[in-house]
């Protein structure tokens, strides 16, 4: 009898992508949405980029709201718009645009 190890089909994450300036972007296939990660119970998104490596992106409110309709397997592009001012609260936040390849 031969035993084969069964591993999770979900990715466990990779190097974290952190945009450095406005218009930085990452694109790839969404492999996994991980919820309740770390001490702050945040969301992480795992993207398989062109070279086959996995890059993870920490979710934050502005990004999470735009990722609601993105499904695992979708090819996406996340564009960092820089810090923006919320006129109502007068607080700054990191702004992103999310595109899905139809």
Protein backbone atom coordinates (compact mmCIF):
# COMPACT_ATOMS: atom_id res chain seq x y z
CA UNK A 1 0.00 0.00 0.00
CA UNK A 2 1.24 3.49 -0.89
CA UNK A 3 0.26 6.59 1.07
CA UNK A 4 0.11 10.01 -0.55
CA UNK A 5 0.18 13.14 1.55
CA UNK A 6 -2.96 15.27 1.24
CA UNK A 7 -2.31 18.98 1.42
CA UNK A 8 -4.66 21.92 1.40
CA UNK A 9 -5.54 23.33 -1.99
CA UNK A 10 -5.62 26.79 -0.44
CA UNK A 11 -2.47 28.86 -0.61
CA UNK A 12 -0.96 29.85 2.70
CA UNK A 13 0.31 33.14 1.45
CA UNK A 14 3.54 34.50 0.12
CA UNK A 15 5.65 37.59 0.28
CA UNK A 16 3.51 40.58 1.21
CA UNK A 17 3.05 43.21 -1.51
CA UNK A 18 3.32 46.76 -0.17
CA UNK A 19 2.91 49.60 -2.66
CA UNK A 20 5.53 52.30 -2.25
CA UNK A 21 4.05 55.10 -4.36
CA UNK A 22 0.94 56.18 -6.23
CA UNK A 23 0.14 54.08 -9.30
CA UNK A 24 2.04 51.01 -8.06
CA UNK A 25 0.03 47.95 -8.99
CA UNK A 26 -0.05 44.20 -8.81
CA UNK A 27 -1.91 41.86 -11.09
CA UNK A 28 -2.56 38.16 -11.05
CA UNK A 29 -5.09 35.45 -10.29
CA UNK A 30 -6.83 35.58 -6.92
CA UNK A 31 -6.03 32.24 -5.32
CA UNK A 32 -7.42 32.75 -1.86
CA UNK A 33 -9.21 35.18 0.47
CA UNK A 34 -8.07 34.47 4.02
CA UNK A 35 -10.19 35.86 6.85
CA UNK A 36 -9.31 36.50 10.49
CA UNK A 37 -5.56 36.57 9.89
CA UNK A 38 -3.24 37.83 12.62
CA UNK A 39 -3.99 39.58 15.89
CA UNK A 40 -6.29 42.11 14.21
CA UNK A 41 -8.36 39.40 12.47
CA UNK A 42 -7.69 41.00 9.07
CA UNK A 43 -8.34 39.71 5.57
CA UNK A 44 -5.46 38.72 3.29
CA UNK A 45 -5.67 38.21 -0.45
CA UNK A 46 -3.27 35.79 -2.15
CA UNK A 47 -2.51 36.48 -5.82
CA UNK A 48 -0.59 34.24 -8.16
CA UNK A 49 1.49 36.61 -10.24
CA UNK A 50 2.87 36.07 -13.74
CA UNK A 51 5.94 34.07 -12.67
CA UNK A 52 3.80 31.67 -10.62
CA UNK A 53 4.80 33.08 -7.24
CA UNK A 54 2.21 34.02 -4.61
CA UNK A 55 2.00 37.58 -3.29
CA UNK A 56 -0.22 38.41 -0.34
CA UNK A 57 -2.00 41.71 0.21
CA UNK A 58 -3.35 42.85 3.56
CA UNK A 59 -6.98 43.88 3.38
CA UNK A 60 -8.15 47.18 4.75
CA UNK A 61 -11.58 48.75 4.63
CA UNK A 62 -11.15 50.63 1.33
CA UNK A 63 -9.73 47.54 -0.39
CA UNK A 64 -12.07 45.00 1.23
CA UNK A 65 -15.13 46.90 0.00
CA UNK A 66 -13.87 46.66 -3.58
CA UNK A 67 -12.94 42.97 -3.29
CA UNK A 68 -16.44 41.80 -2.29
CA UNK A 69 -17.43 40.77 -5.84
CA UNK A 70 -14.01 39.33 -6.74
CA UNK A 71 -13.93 35.53 -6.69
CA UNK A 72 -11.12 33.04 -6.37
CA UNK A 73 -9.84 32.34 -9.88
CA UNK A 74 -10.54 35.88 -11.16
CA UNK A 75 -7.65 37.66 -12.89
CA UNK A 76 -7.39 41.07 -11.24
CA UNK A 77 -5.29 44.19 -11.03
CA UNK A 78 -5.02 46.23 -7.83
CA UNK A 79 -3.87 49.81 -8.33
CA UNK A 80 -2.70 51.89 -5.37
CA UNK A 81 -3.93 55.49 -5.60
CA UNK A 82 -2.03 56.77 -2.58
CA UNK A 83 -3.39 58.36 0.56
CA UNK A 84 -6.70 60.20 0.28
CA UNK A 85 -8.62 62.38 2.72
CA UNK A 86 -12.08 61.31 3.85
CA UNK A 87 -13.97 64.59 3.76
CA UNK A 88 -16.49 63.43 6.35
CA UNK A 89 -14.08 62.14 9.01
CA UNK A 90 -11.05 64.25 8.00
CA UNK A 91 -8.90 61.10 8.29
CA UNK A 92 -6.57 59.81 5.60
CA UNK A 93 -6.78 56.31 4.17
CA UNK A 94 -4.98 54.21 1.56
CA UNK A 95 -7.03 54.22 -1.65
CA UNK A 96 -7.10 51.43 -4.24
CA UNK A 97 -8.82 50.70 -7.53
CA UNK A 98 -9.60 47.07 -8.38
CA UNK A 99 -10.06 45.79 -11.93
CA UNK A 100 -11.25 42.36 -13.05
CA UNK A 101 -10.32 40.86 -16.41
CA UNK A 102 -13.61 39.98 -18.08
